[in-house]
Amino acid sequence: QRDTRPQQQVAASTGSQPTPPAAAAAAAAKPAAAAAAAGSGGGSKLLQQFRDRLSGSRFRQLNEALYTQPGGDSFTQMQEQPGLFTQYHEGFQQQVKSWPTQPLDVAIKWLQDKPP
């Protein structure tokens, strides 16, 4: 079960220092970039599965940073590190593939079923 308390409360209750979302995102960008660089020449199915999981994990980390920090901080972070934008959207695309129902398809059907 996920702890939904603000990061400062979690840090206070565990005795650890909170990691600012921007710092956490920057730290995680290094392994993702290294994995992408190492695998640019193809690879095994297992390696591709690893890349997909890494991309999904990166998406979740970036997504959490985006919804827990002020919008201006997120904007600055994306401006300073344009690769984060690409990582986020690639991860999002991977996540969408695993959803049993596509929310956009549900919304489109709902709109199509409405009288004009």
PDB file of N, CA and C in Angstrom:
ATOM      1  N   GLN A   1       0.851  -1.177   0.000  1.00  0.00           N
ATOM      2  CA  GLN A   1       0.000   0.000   0.000  1.00  0.00           C
ATOM      3  C   GLN A   1       0.891   1.233   0.000  1.00  0.00           C
ATOM      4  N   ARG A   2       0.549   2.179  -0.838  1.00  0.00           N
ATOM      5  CA  ARG A   2       1.360   3.368  -1.023  1.00  0.00           C
ATOM      6  C   ARG A   2       1.078   4.395   0.052  1.00  0.00           C
ATOM      7  N   ASP A   3       2.127   5.006   0.574  1.00  0.00           N
ATOM      8  CA  ASP A   3       2.010   6.064   1.565  1.00  0.00           C
ATOM      9  C   ASP A   3       1.732   7.365   0.827  1.00  0.00           C
ATOM     10  N   THR A   4       0.579   7.978   1.076  1.00  0.00           N
ATOM     11  CA  THR A   4       0.183   9.180   0.344  1.00  0.00           C
ATOM     12  C   THR A   4       0.447  10.463   1.107  1.00  0.00           C
ATOM     13  N   ARG A   5       1.122  10.358   2.269  1.00  0.00           N
ATOM     14  CA  ARG A   5       1.434  11.573   3.017  1.00  0.00           C
ATOM     15  C   ARG A   5       2.467  12.392   2.262  1.00  0.00           C
ATOM     16  N   PRO A   6       2.475  13.702   2.457  1.00  0.00           N
ATOM     17  CA  PRO A   6       3.511  14.520   1.822  1.00  0.00           C
ATOM     18  C   PRO A   6       4.896  14.011   2.201  1.00  0.00           C
ATOM     19  N   GLN A   7       5.837  14.225   1.309  1.00  0.00           N
ATOM     20  CA  GLN A   7       7.182  13.700   1.469  1.00  0.00           C
ATOM     21  C   GLN A   7       7.820  14.118   2.796  1.00  0.00           C
ATOM     22  N   GLN A   8       7.572  15.340   3.241  1.00  0.00           N
ATOM     23  CA  GLN A   8       8.172  15.807   4.485  1.00  0.00           C
ATOM     24  C   GLN A   8       7.654  15.006   5.673  1.00  0.00           C
ATOM     25  N   GLN A   9       6.350  14.655   5.679  1.00  0.00           N
ATOM     26  CA  GLN A   9       5.790  13.869   6.767  1.00  0.00           C
ATOM     27  C   GLN A   9       6.394  12.475   6.797  1.00  0.00           C
ATOM     28  N   VAL A  10       6.556  11.865   5.623  1.00  0.00           N
ATOM     29  CA  VAL A  10       7.138  10.534   5.551  1.00  0.00           C
ATOM     30  C   VAL A  10       8.563  10.583   6.068  1.00  0.00           C
ATOM     31  N   ALA A  11       9.322  11.596   5.646  1.00  0.00           N
ATOM     32  CA  ALA A  11      10.711  11.716   6.085  1.00  0.00           C
ATOM     33  C   ALA A  11      10.782  11.905   7.590  1.00  0.00           C
ATOM     34  N   ALA A  12       9.880  12.710   8.133  1.00  0.00           N
ATOM     35  CA  ALA A  12       9.886  12.951   9.573  1.00  0.00           C
ATOM     36  C   ALA A  12       9.566  11.671  10.342  1.00  0.00           C
ATOM     37  N   SER A  13       8.637  10.877   9.827  1.00  0.00           N
ATOM     38  CA  SER A  13       8.244   9.660  10.539  1.00  0.00           C
ATOM     39  C   SER A  13       9.285   8.554  10.418  1.00  0.00           C
ATOM     40  N   THR A  14      10.118   8.614   9.364  1.00  0.00           N
ATOM     41  CA  THR A  14      11.135   7.579   9.184  1.00  0.00           C
ATOM     42  C   THR A  14      12.506   8.027   9.643  1.00  0.00           C
ATOM     43  N   GLY A  15      12.657   9.321   9.951  1.00  0.00           N
ATOM     44  CA  GLY A  15      13.937   9.849  10.380  1.00  0.00           C
ATOM     45  C   GLY A  15      14.890  10.131   9.238  1.00  0.00           C
ATOM     46  N   SER A  16      14.409  10.032   7.991  1.00  0.00           N
ATOM     47  CA  SER A  16      15.272  10.306   6.846  1.00  0.00           C
ATOM     48  C   SER A  16      14.983  11.693   6.295  1.00  0.00           C
ATOM     49  N   GLN A  17      15.889  12.161   5.475  1.00  0.00           N
ATOM     50  CA  GLN A  17      15.709  13.459   4.836  1.00  0.00           C
ATOM     51  C   GLN A  17      14.948  13.257   3.536  1.00  0.00           C
ATOM     52  N   PRO A  18      13.985  14.125   3.216  1.00  0.00           N
ATOM     53  CA  PRO A  18      13.262  13.970   1.956  1.00  0.00           C
ATOM     54  C   PRO A  18      14.169  14.268   0.769  1.00  0.00           C
ATOM     55  N   THR A  19      13.927  13.572  -0.311  1.00  0.00           N
ATOM     56  CA  THR A  19      14.646  13.840  -1.549  1.00  0.00           C
ATOM     57  C   THR A  19      13.761  14.733  -2.400  1.00  0.00           C
ATOM     58  N   PRO A  20      14.242  15.919  -2.747  1.00  0.00           N
ATOM     59  CA  PRO A  20      13.427  16.787  -3.590  1.00  0.00           C
ATOM     60  C   PRO A  20      13.107  16.073  -4.901  1.00  0.00           C
ATOM     61  N   PRO A  21      11.879  16.205  -5.427  1.00  0.00           N
ATOM     62  CA  PRO A  21      11.514  15.505  -6.660  1.00  0.00           C
ATOM     63  C   PRO A  21      12.471  15.791  -7.809  1.00  0.00           C
ATOM     64  N   ALA A  22      12.936  17.031  -7.928  1.00  0.00           N
ATOM     65  CA  ALA A  22      13.851  17.362  -9.020  1.00  0.00           C
ATOM     66  C   ALA A  22      15.158  16.592  -8.882  1.00  0.00           C
ATOM     67  N   ALA A  23      15.666  16.470  -7.659  1.00  0.00           N
ATOM     68  CA  ALA A  23      16.909  15.735  -7.433  1.00  0.00           C
ATOM     69  C   ALA A  23      16.714  14.252  -7.714  1.00  0.00           C
ATOM     70  N   ALA A  24      15.576  13.715  -7.293  1.00  0.00           N
ATOM     71  CA  ALA A  24      15.294  12.300  -7.532  1.00  0.00           C
ATOM     72  C   ALA A  24      15.178  12.030  -9.029  1.00  0.00           C
ATOM     73  N   ALA A  25      14.524  12.928  -9.742  1.00  0.00           N
ATOM     74  CA  ALA A  25      14.359  12.754 -11.184  1.00  0.00           C
ATOM     75  C   ALA A  25      15.704  12.827 -11.893  1.00  0.00           C
ATOM     76  N   ALA A  26      16.557  13.759 -11.476  1.00  0.00           N
ATOM     77  CA  ALA A  26      17.871  13.897 -12.096  1.00  0.00           C
ATOM     78  C   ALA A  26      18.722  12.659 -11.834  1.00  0.00           C
ATOM     79  N   ALA A  27      18.661  12.130 -10.620  1.00  0.00           N
ATOM     80  CA  ALA A  27      19.449  10.944 -10.274  1.00  0.00           C
ATOM     81  C   ALA A  27      19.001   9.734 -11.083  1.00  0.00           C
ATOM     82  N   ALA A  28      17.709   9.611 -11.298  1.00  0.00           N
ATOM     83  CA  ALA A  28      17.193   8.456 -12.028  1.00  0.00           C
ATOM     84  C   ALA A  28      17.424   8.574 -13.527  1.00  0.00           C
ATOM     85  N   ALA A  29      17.652   9.775 -14.031  1.00  0.00           N
ATOM     86  CA  ALA A  29      17.878   9.967 -15.463  1.00  0.00           C
ATOM     87  C   ALA A  29      19.163   9.288 -15.903  1.00  0.00           C
ATOM     88  N   LYS A  30      20.158   9.222 -15.025  1.00  0.00           N
ATOM     89  CA  LYS A  30      21.446   8.645 -15.396  1.00  0.00           C
ATOM     90  C   LYS A  30      21.334   7.164 -15.752  1.00  0.00           C
ATOM     91  N   PRO A  31      20.709   6.312 -14.911  1.00  0.00           N
ATOM     92  CA  PRO A  31      20.601   4.907 -15.303  1.00  0.00           C
ATOM     93  C   PRO A  31      19.754   4.706 -16.557  1.00  0.00           C
ATOM     94  N   ALA A  32      18.706   5.495 -16.708  1.00  0.00           N
ATOM     95  CA  ALA A  32      17.849   5.358 -17.882  1.00  0.00           C
ATOM     96  C   ALA A  32      18.622   5.710 -19.142  1.00  0.00           C
ATOM     97  N   ALA A  33      19.414   6.779 -19.080  1.00  0.00           N
ATOM     98  CA  ALA A  33      20.203   7.187 -20.232  1.00  0.00           C
ATOM     99  C   ALA A  33      21.271   6.145 -20.547  1.00  0.00           C
ATOM    100  N   ALA A  34      21.896   5.587 -19.517  1.00  0.00           N
ATOM    101  CA  ALA A  34      22.916   4.559 -19.731  1.00  0.00           C
ATOM    102  C   ALA A  34      22.315   3.310 -20.359  1.00  0.00           C
ATOM    103  N   ALA A  35      21.142   2.910 -19.891  1.00  0.00           N
ATOM    104  CA  ALA A  35      20.485   1.729 -20.446  1.00  0.00           C
ATOM    105  C   ALA A  35      20.101   1.958 -21.901  1.00  0.00           C
ATOM    106  N   ALA A  36      19.629   3.156 -22.198  1.00  0.00           N
ATOM    107  CA  ALA A  36      19.247   3.472 -23.571  1.00  0.00           C
ATOM    108  C   ALA A  36      20.470   3.466 -24.482  1.00  0.00           C
ATOM    109  N   ALA A  37      21.577   4.037 -24.013  1.00  0.00           N
ATOM    110  CA  ALA A  37      22.794   4.086 -24.810  1.00  0.00           C
ATOM    111  C   ALA A  37      23.370   2.692 -25.032  1.00  0.00           C
ATOM    112  N   ALA A  38      23.334   1.854 -24.010  1.00  0.00           N
ATOM    113  CA  ALA A  38      23.896   0.514 -24.103  1.00  0.00           C
ATOM    114  C   ALA A  38      23.089  -0.363 -25.042  1.00  0.00           C
ATOM    115  N   GLY A  39      21.805  -0.103 -25.167  1.00  0.00           N
ATOM    116  CA  GLY A  39      20.956  -0.995 -25.930  1.00  0.00           C
ATOM    117  C   GLY A  39      20.573  -0.497 -27.298  1.00  0.00           C
ATOM    118  N   SER A  40      21.249   0.493 -27.832  1.00  0.00           N
ATOM    119  CA  SER A  40      20.838   1.072 -29.097  1.00  0.00           C
ATOM    120  C   SER A  40      21.066   0.137 -30.278  1.00  0.00           C
ATOM    121  N   GLY A  41      21.847  -0.937 -30.107  1.00  0.00           N
ATOM    122  CA  GLY A  41      22.130  -1.832 -31.210  1.00  0.00           C
ATOM    123  C   GLY A  41      21.265  -3.071 -31.223  1.00  0.00           C
ATOM    124  N   GLY A  42      20.104  -3.083 -30.607  1.00  0.00           N
ATOM    125  CA  GLY A  42      19.247  -4.260 -30.575  1.00  0.00           C
ATOM    126  C   GLY A  42      19.407  -4.983 -29.258  1.00  0.00           C
ATOM    127  N   GLY A  43      19.271  -6.299 -29.273  1.00  0.00           N
ATOM    128  CA  GLY A  43      19.474  -7.055 -28.050  1.00  0.00           C
ATOM    129  C   GLY A  43      18.458  -8.147 -27.894  1.00  0.00           C
ATOM    130  N   SER A  44      18.573  -8.842 -26.805  1.00  0.00           N
ATOM    131  CA  SER A  44      17.710  -9.978 -26.535  1.00  0.00           C
ATOM    132  C   SER A  44      16.332  -9.532 -26.055  1.00  0.00           C
ATOM    133  N   LYS A  45      15.434 -10.498 -26.010  1.00  0.00           N
ATOM    134  CA  LYS A  45      14.083 -10.240 -25.509  1.00  0.00           C
ATOM    135  C   LYS A  45      14.133  -9.846 -24.041  1.00  0.00           C
ATOM    136  N   LEU A  46      15.006 -10.488 -23.271  1.00  0.00           N
ATOM    137  CA  LEU A  46      15.150 -10.172 -21.857  1.00  0.00           C
ATOM    138  C   LEU A  46      15.627  -8.735 -21.671  1.00  0.00           C
ATOM    139  N   LEU A  47      16.583  -8.313 -22.481  1.00  0.00           N
ATOM    140  CA  LEU A  47      17.079  -6.942 -22.399  1.00  0.00           C
ATOM    141  C   LEU A  47      15.962  -5.950 -22.742  1.00  0.00           C
ATOM    142  N   GLN A  48      15.147  -6.281 -23.734  1.00  0.00           N
ATOM    143  CA  GLN A  48      14.036  -5.390 -24.090  1.00  0.00           C
ATOM    144  C   GLN A  48      13.011  -5.321 -22.965  1.00  0.00           C
ATOM    145  N   GLN A  49      12.760  -6.450 -22.311  1.00  0.00           N
ATOM    146  CA  GLN A  49      11.846  -6.436 -21.168  1.00  0.00           C
ATOM    147  C   GLN A  49      12.395  -5.563 -20.047  1.00  0.00           C
ATOM    148  N   PHE A  50      13.704  -5.625 -19.830  1.00  0.00           N
ATOM    149  CA  PHE A  50      14.337  -4.786 -18.824  1.00  0.00           C
ATOM    150  C   PHE A  50      14.165  -3.312 -19.186  1.00  0.00           C
ATOM    151  N   ARG A  51      14.384  -2.989 -20.449  1.00  0.00           N
ATOM    152  CA  ARG A  51      14.227  -1.594 -20.883  1.00  0.00           C
ATOM    153  C   ARG A  51      12.784  -1.119 -20.687  1.00  0.00           C
ATOM    154  N   ASP A  52      11.833  -1.982 -21.011  1.00  0.00           N
ATOM    155  CA  ASP A  52      10.426  -1.614 -20.854  1.00  0.00           C
ATOM    156  C   ASP A  52      10.084  -1.362 -19.379  1.00  0.00           C
ATOM    157  N   ARG A  53      10.585  -2.220 -18.511  1.00  0.00           N
ATOM    158  CA  ARG A  53      10.322  -2.034 -17.076  1.00  0.00           C
ATOM    159  C   ARG A  53      10.989  -0.770 -16.566  1.00  0.00           C
ATOM    160  N   LEU A  54      12.204  -0.504 -17.036  1.00  0.00           N
ATOM    161  CA  LEU A  54      12.918   0.703 -16.637  1.00  0.00           C
ATOM    162  C   LEU A  54      12.162   1.940 -17.114  1.00  0.00           C
ATOM    163  N   SER A  55      11.656   1.884 -18.321  1.00  0.00           N
ATOM    164  CA  SER A  55      10.885   2.997 -18.861  1.00  0.00           C
ATOM    165  C   SER A  55       9.612   3.217 -18.037  1.00  0.00           C
ATOM    166  N   GLY A  56       8.947   2.141 -17.657  1.00  0.00           N
ATOM    167  CA  GLY A  56       7.740   2.257 -16.837  1.00  0.00           C
ATOM    168  C   GLY A  56       8.054   2.816 -15.461  1.00  0.00           C
ATOM    169  N   SER A  57       9.157   2.366 -14.888  1.00  0.00           N
ATOM    170  CA  SER A  57       9.560   2.880 -13.576  1.00  0.00           C
ATOM    171  C   SER A  57       9.908   4.354 -13.669  1.00  0.00           C
ATOM    172  N   ARG A  58      10.599   4.711 -14.730  1.00  0.00           N
ATOM    173  CA  ARG A  58      10.986   6.112 -14.916  1.00  0.00           C
ATOM    174  C   ARG A  58       9.743   6.980 -15.074  1.00  0.00           C
ATOM    175  N   PHE A  59       8.770   6.481 -15.831  1.00  0.00           N
ATOM    176  CA  PHE A  59       7.520   7.226 -15.993  1.00  0.00           C
ATOM    177  C   PHE A  59       6.857   7.456 -14.644  1.00  0.00           C
ATOM    178  N   ARG A  60       6.759   6.402 -13.831  1.00  0.00           N
ATOM    179  CA  ARG A  60       6.103   6.550 -12.528  1.00  0.00           C
ATOM    180  C   ARG A  60       6.833   7.546 -11.644  1.00  0.00           C
ATOM    181  N   GLN A  61       8.155   7.523 -11.692  1.00  0.00           N
ATOM    182  CA  GLN A  61       8.935   8.461 -10.879  1.00  0.00           C
ATOM    183  C   GLN A  61       8.723   9.901 -11.367  1.00  0.00           C
ATOM    184  N   LEU A  62       8.805  10.104 -12.667  1.00  0.00           N
ATOM    185  CA  LEU A  62       8.591  11.448 -13.205  1.00  0.00           C
ATOM    186  C   LEU A  62       7.160  11.912 -12.959  1.00  0.00           C
ATOM    187  N   ASN A  63       6.209  11.012 -13.125  1.00  0.00           N
ATOM    188  CA  ASN A  63       4.811  11.357 -12.912  1.00  0.00           C
ATOM    189  C   ASN A  63       4.588  11.809 -11.470  1.00  0.00           C
ATOM    190  N   GLU A  64       5.168  11.079 -10.526  1.00  0.00           N
ATOM    191  CA  GLU A  64       5.025  11.463  -9.127  1.00  0.00           C
ATOM    192  C   GLU A  64       5.643  12.836  -8.875  1.00  0.00           C
ATOM    193  N   ALA A  65       6.818  13.079  -9.450  1.00  0.00           N
ATOM    194  CA  ALA A  65       7.462  14.386  -9.281  1.00  0.00           C
ATOM    195  C   ALA A  65       6.573  15.491  -9.859  1.00  0.00           C
ATOM    196  N   LEU A  66       5.961  15.227 -11.007  1.00  0.00           N
ATOM    197  CA  LEU A  66       5.126  16.242 -11.648  1.00  0.00           C
ATOM    198  C   LEU A  66       3.878  16.573 -10.839  1.00  0.00           C
ATOM    199  N   TYR A  67       3.296  15.582 -10.173  1.00  0.00           N
ATOM    200  CA  TYR A  67       2.077  15.902  -9.430  1.00  0.00           C
ATOM    201  C   TYR A  67       2.316  16.236  -7.964  1.00  0.00           C
ATOM    202  N   THR A  68       3.553  16.170  -7.499  1.00  0.00           N
ATOM    203  CA  THR A  68       3.798  16.542  -6.105  1.00  0.00           C
ATOM    204  C   THR A  68       4.585  17.840  -5.957  1.00  0.00           C
ATOM    205  N   GLN A  69       5.135  18.344  -7.023  1.00  0.00           N
ATOM    206  CA  GLN A  69       5.882  19.603  -6.928  1.00  0.00           C
ATOM    207  C   GLN A  69       5.102  20.700  -7.636  1.00  0.00           C
ATOM    208  N   PRO A  70       5.384  21.956  -7.314  1.00  0.00           N
ATOM    209  CA  PRO A  70       4.689  23.065  -7.982  1.00  0.00           C
ATOM    210  C   PRO A  70       4.907  23.035  -9.497  1.00  0.00           C
ATOM    211  N   GLY A  71       3.906  23.469 -10.237  1.00  0.00           N
ATOM    212  CA  GLY A  71       3.962  23.450 -11.694  1.00  0.00           C
ATOM    213  C   GLY A  71       5.153  24.206 -12.250  1.00  0.00           C
ATOM    214  N   GLY A  72       5.488  25.326 -11.620  1.00  0.00           N
ATOM    215  CA  GLY A  72       6.632  26.108 -12.082  1.00  0.00           C
ATOM    216  C   GLY A  72       7.933  25.333 -11.956  1.00  0.00           C
ATOM    217  N   ASP A  73       8.059  24.543 -10.884  1.00  0.00           N
ATOM    218  CA  ASP A  73       9.257  23.715 -10.704  1.00  0.00           C
ATOM    219  C   ASP A  73       9.327  22.639 -11.784  1.00  0.00           C
ATOM    220  N   SER A  74       8.175  22.049 -12.098  1.00  0.00           N
ATOM    221  CA  SER A  74       8.138  21.024 -13.150  1.00  0.00           C
ATOM    222  C   SER A  74       8.518  21.625 -14.499  1.00  0.00           C
ATOM    223  N   PHE A  75       7.993  22.805 -14.771  1.00  0.00           N
ATOM    224  CA  PHE A  75       8.291  23.469 -16.037  1.00  0.00           C
ATOM    225  C   PHE A  75       9.787  23.757 -16.146  1.00  0.00           C
ATOM    226  N   THR A  76      10.357  24.301 -15.080  1.00  0.00           N
ATOM    227  CA  THR A  76      11.794  24.606 -15.072  1.00  0.00           C
ATOM    228  C   THR A  76      12.615  23.344 -15.272  1.00  0.00           C
ATOM    229  N   GLN A  77      12.233  22.278 -14.582  1.00  0.00           N
ATOM    230  CA  GLN A  77      12.950  21.014 -14.692  1.00  0.00           C
ATOM    231  C   GLN A  77      12.919  20.498 -16.129  1.00  0.00           C
ATOM    232  N   MET A  78      11.769  20.557 -16.772  1.00  0.00           N
ATOM    233  CA  MET A  78      11.656  20.089 -18.156  1.00  0.00           C
ATOM    234  C   MET A  78      12.453  20.980 -19.107  1.00  0.00           C
ATOM    235  N   GLN A  79      12.497  22.274 -18.828  1.00  0.00           N
ATOM    236  CA  GLN A  79      13.268  23.189 -19.662  1.00  0.00           C
ATOM    237  C   GLN A  79      14.773  22.921 -19.510  1.00  0.00           C
ATOM    238  N   GLU A  80      15.208  22.650 -18.287  1.00  0.00           N
ATOM    239  CA  GLU A  80      16.623  22.420 -18.017  1.00  0.00           C
ATOM    240  C   GLU A  80      17.084  21.041 -18.476  1.00  0.00           C
ATOM    241  N   GLN A  81      16.172  20.073 -18.485  1.00  0.00           N
ATOM    242  CA  GLN A  81      16.503  18.702 -18.874  1.00  0.00           C
ATOM    243  C   GLN A  81      15.478  18.194 -19.882  1.00  0.00           C
ATOM    244  N   PRO A  82      15.595  18.621 -21.150  1.00  0.00           N
ATOM    245  CA  PRO A  82      14.579  18.252 -22.157  1.00  0.00           C
ATOM    246  C   PRO A  82      14.395  16.748 -22.316  1.00  0.00           C
ATOM    247  N   GLY A  83      15.401  15.959 -22.002  1.00  0.00           N
ATOM    248  CA  GLY A  83      15.270  14.505 -22.115  1.00  0.00           C
ATOM    249  C   GLY A  83      14.215  13.939 -21.191  1.00  0.00           C
ATOM    250  N   LEU A  84      13.919  14.637 -20.096  1.00  0.00           N
ATOM    251  CA  LEU A  84      12.886  14.167 -19.168  1.00  0.00           C
ATOM    252  C   LEU A  84      11.520  14.138 -19.838  1.00  0.00           C
ATOM    253  N   PHE A  85      11.261  15.113 -20.691  1.00  0.00           N
ATOM    254  CA  PHE A  85       9.985  15.166 -21.417  1.00  0.00           C
ATOM    255  C   PHE A  85       9.814  13.908 -22.264  1.00  0.00           C
ATOM    256  N   THR A  86      10.866  13.547 -22.983  1.00  0.00           N
ATOM    257  CA  THR A  86      10.827  12.358 -23.829  1.00  0.00           C
ATOM    258  C   THR A  86      10.684  11.099 -22.981  1.00  0.00           C
ATOM    259  N   GLN A  87      11.453  11.006 -21.891  1.00  0.00           N
ATOM    260  CA  GLN A  87      11.368   9.839 -21.018  1.00  0.00           C
ATOM    261  C   GLN A  87       9.965   9.682 -20.448  1.00  0.00           C
ATOM    262  N   TYR A  88       9.367  10.786 -20.034  1.00  0.00           N
ATOM    263  CA  TYR A  88       8.021  10.742 -19.478  1.00  0.00           C
ATOM    264  C   TYR A  88       7.032  10.195 -20.508  1.00  0.00           C
ATOM    265  N   HIS A  89       7.071  10.741 -21.708  1.00  0.00           N
ATOM    266  CA  HIS A  89       6.083  10.343 -22.713  1.00  0.00           C
ATOM    267  C   HIS A  89       6.325   8.930 -23.242  1.00  0.00           C
ATOM    268  N   GLU A  90       7.581   8.501 -23.339  1.00  0.00           N
ATOM    269  CA  GLU A  90       7.838   7.115 -23.730  1.00  0.00           C
ATOM    270  C   GLU A  90       7.317   6.160 -22.656  1.00  0.00           C
ATOM    271  N   GLY A  91       7.538   6.512 -21.404  1.00  0.00           N
ATOM    272  CA  GLY A  91       7.028   5.687 -20.301  1.00  0.00           C
ATOM    273  C   GLY A  91       5.513   5.660 -20.276  1.00  0.00           C
ATOM    274  N   PHE A  92       4.904   6.808 -20.537  1.00  0.00           N
ATOM    275  CA  PHE A  92       3.445   6.873 -20.566  1.00  0.00           C
ATOM    276  C   PHE A  92       2.898   5.946 -21.658  1.00  0.00           C
ATOM    277  N   GLN A  93       3.526   5.978 -22.826  1.00  0.00           N
ATOM    278  CA  GLN A  93       3.075   5.116 -23.918  1.00  0.00           C
ATOM    279  C   GLN A  93       3.181   3.637 -23.538  1.00  0.00           C
ATOM    280  N   GLN A  94       4.244   3.264 -22.829  1.00  0.00           N
ATOM    281  CA  GLN A  94       4.381   1.884 -22.358  1.00  0.00           C
ATOM    282  C   GLN A  94       3.274   1.532 -21.369  1.00  0.00           C
ATOM    283  N   GLN A  95       2.985   2.443 -20.432  1.00  0.00           N
ATOM    284  CA  GLN A  95       1.947   2.199 -19.432  1.00  0.00           C
ATOM    285  C   GLN A  95       0.584   2.008 -20.098  1.00  0.00           C
ATOM    286  N   VAL A  96       0.279   2.841 -21.069  1.00  0.00           N
ATOM    287  CA  VAL A  96      -1.023   2.797 -21.741  1.00  0.00           C
ATOM    288  C   VAL A  96      -1.253   1.433 -22.393  1.00  0.00           C
ATOM    289  N   LYS A  97      -0.191   0.836 -22.916  1.00  0.00           N
ATOM    290  CA  LYS A  97      -0.315  -0.467 -23.579  1.00  0.00           C
ATOM    291  C   LYS A  97      -0.817  -1.553 -22.624  1.00  0.00           C
ATOM    292  N   SER A  98      -0.542  -1.389 -21.335  1.00  0.00           N
ATOM    293  CA  SER A  98      -0.925  -2.432 -20.381  1.00  0.00           C
ATOM    294  C   SER A  98      -2.304  -2.202 -19.763  1.00  0.00           C
ATOM    295  N   TRP A  99      -2.931  -1.078 -20.046  1.00  0.00           N
ATOM    296  CA  TRP A  99      -4.245  -0.791 -19.470  1.00  0.00           C
ATOM    297  C   TRP A  99      -5.305  -1.640 -20.153  1.00  0.00           C
ATOM    298  N   PRO A 100      -6.207  -2.257 -19.396  1.00  0.00           N
ATOM    299  CA  PRO A 100      -7.244  -3.086 -20.014  1.00  0.00           C
ATOM    300  C   PRO A 100      -8.250  -2.256 -20.814  1.00  0.00           C
ATOM    301  N   THR A 101      -8.471  -1.029 -20.414  1.00  0.00           N
ATOM    302  CA  THR A 101      -9.396  -0.131 -21.104  1.00  0.00           C
ATOM    303  C   THR A 101      -8.698   1.206 -21.311  1.00  0.00           C
ATOM    304  N   GLN A 102      -8.826   1.725 -22.499  1.00  0.00           N
ATOM    305  CA  GLN A 102      -8.214   3.014 -22.799  1.00  0.00           C
ATOM    306  C   GLN A 102      -9.214   4.132 -22.460  1.00  0.00           C
ATOM    307  N   PRO A 103      -8.882   4.995 -21.506  1.00  0.00           N
ATOM    308  CA  PRO A 103      -9.814   6.048 -21.094  1.00  0.00           C
ATOM    309  C   PRO A 103     -10.267   6.943 -22.248  1.00  0.00           C
ATOM    310  N   LEU A 104      -9.382   7.217 -23.175  1.00  0.00           N
ATOM    311  CA  LEU A 104      -9.754   8.067 -24.305  1.00  0.00           C
ATOM    312  C   LEU A 104     -10.819   7.380 -25.168  1.00  0.00           C
ATOM    313  N   ASP A 105     -10.683   6.066 -25.362  1.00  0.00           N
ATOM    314  CA  ASP A 105     -11.689   5.323 -26.132  1.00  0.00           C
ATOM    315  C   ASP A 105     -13.050   5.365 -25.433  1.00  0.00           C
ATOM    316  N   VAL A 106     -13.057   5.259 -24.109  1.00  0.00           N
ATOM    317  CA  VAL A 106     -14.303   5.327 -23.337  1.00  0.00           C
ATOM    318  C   VAL A 106     -14.945   6.706 -23.498  1.00  0.00           C
ATOM    319  N   ALA A 107     -14.136   7.755 -23.430  1.00  0.00           N
ATOM    320  CA  ALA A 107     -14.655   9.119 -23.575  1.00  0.00           C
ATOM    321  C   ALA A 107     -15.208   9.337 -24.980  1.00  0.00           C
ATOM    322  N   ILE A 108     -14.502   8.843 -25.989  1.00  0.00           N
ATOM    323  CA  ILE A 108     -14.967   8.991 -27.372  1.00  0.00           C
ATOM    324  C   ILE A 108     -16.302   8.279 -27.566  1.00  0.00           C
ATOM    325  N   LYS A 109     -16.408   7.054 -27.058  1.00  0.00           N
ATOM    326  CA  LYS A 109     -17.662   6.301 -27.193  1.00  0.00           C
ATOM    327  C   LYS A 109     -18.793   7.038 -26.476  1.00  0.00           C
ATOM    328  N   TRP A 110     -18.520   7.554 -25.276  1.00  0.00           N
ATOM    329  CA  TRP A 110     -19.527   8.276 -24.517  1.00  0.00           C
ATOM    330  C   TRP A 110     -20.013   9.491 -25.324  1.00  0.00           C
ATOM    331  N   LEU A 111     -19.101  10.211 -25.933  1.00  0.00           N
ATOM    332  CA  LEU A 111     -19.477  11.382 -26.731  1.00  0.00           C
ATOM    333  C   LEU A 111     -20.262  10.970 -27.975  1.00  0.00           C
ATOM    334  N   GLN A 112     -19.851   9.872 -28.603  1.00  0.00           N
ATOM    335  CA  GLN A 112     -20.542   9.406 -29.807  1.00  0.00           C
ATOM    336  C   GLN A 112     -21.957   8.937 -29.508  1.00  0.00           C
ATOM    337  N   ASP A 113     -22.174   8.424 -28.296  1.00  0.00           N
ATOM    338  CA  ASP A 113     -23.498   7.944 -27.902  1.00  0.00           C
ATOM    339  C   ASP A 113     -24.455   9.065 -27.515  1.00  0.00           C
ATOM    340  N   LYS A 114     -23.947  10.263 -27.331  1.00  0.00           N
ATOM    341  CA  LYS A 114     -24.776  11.424 -26.962  1.00  0.00           C
ATOM    342  C   LYS A 114     -25.528  11.919 -28.182  1.00  0.00           C
ATOM    343  N   PRO A 115     -26.789  12.358 -27.977  1.00  0.00           N
ATOM    344  CA  PRO A 115     -27.521  12.927 -29.109  1.00  0.00           C
ATOM    345  C   PRO A 115     -26.860  14.248 -29.551  1.00  0.00           C
ATOM    346  N   PRO A 116     -26.966  14.552 -30.840  1.00  0.00           N
ATOM    347  CA  PRO A 116     -26.334  15.789 -31.362  1.00  0.00           C
ATOM    348  C   PRO A 116     -26.929  17.062 -30.790  1.00  0.00           C
TER     349      PRO A 116
END
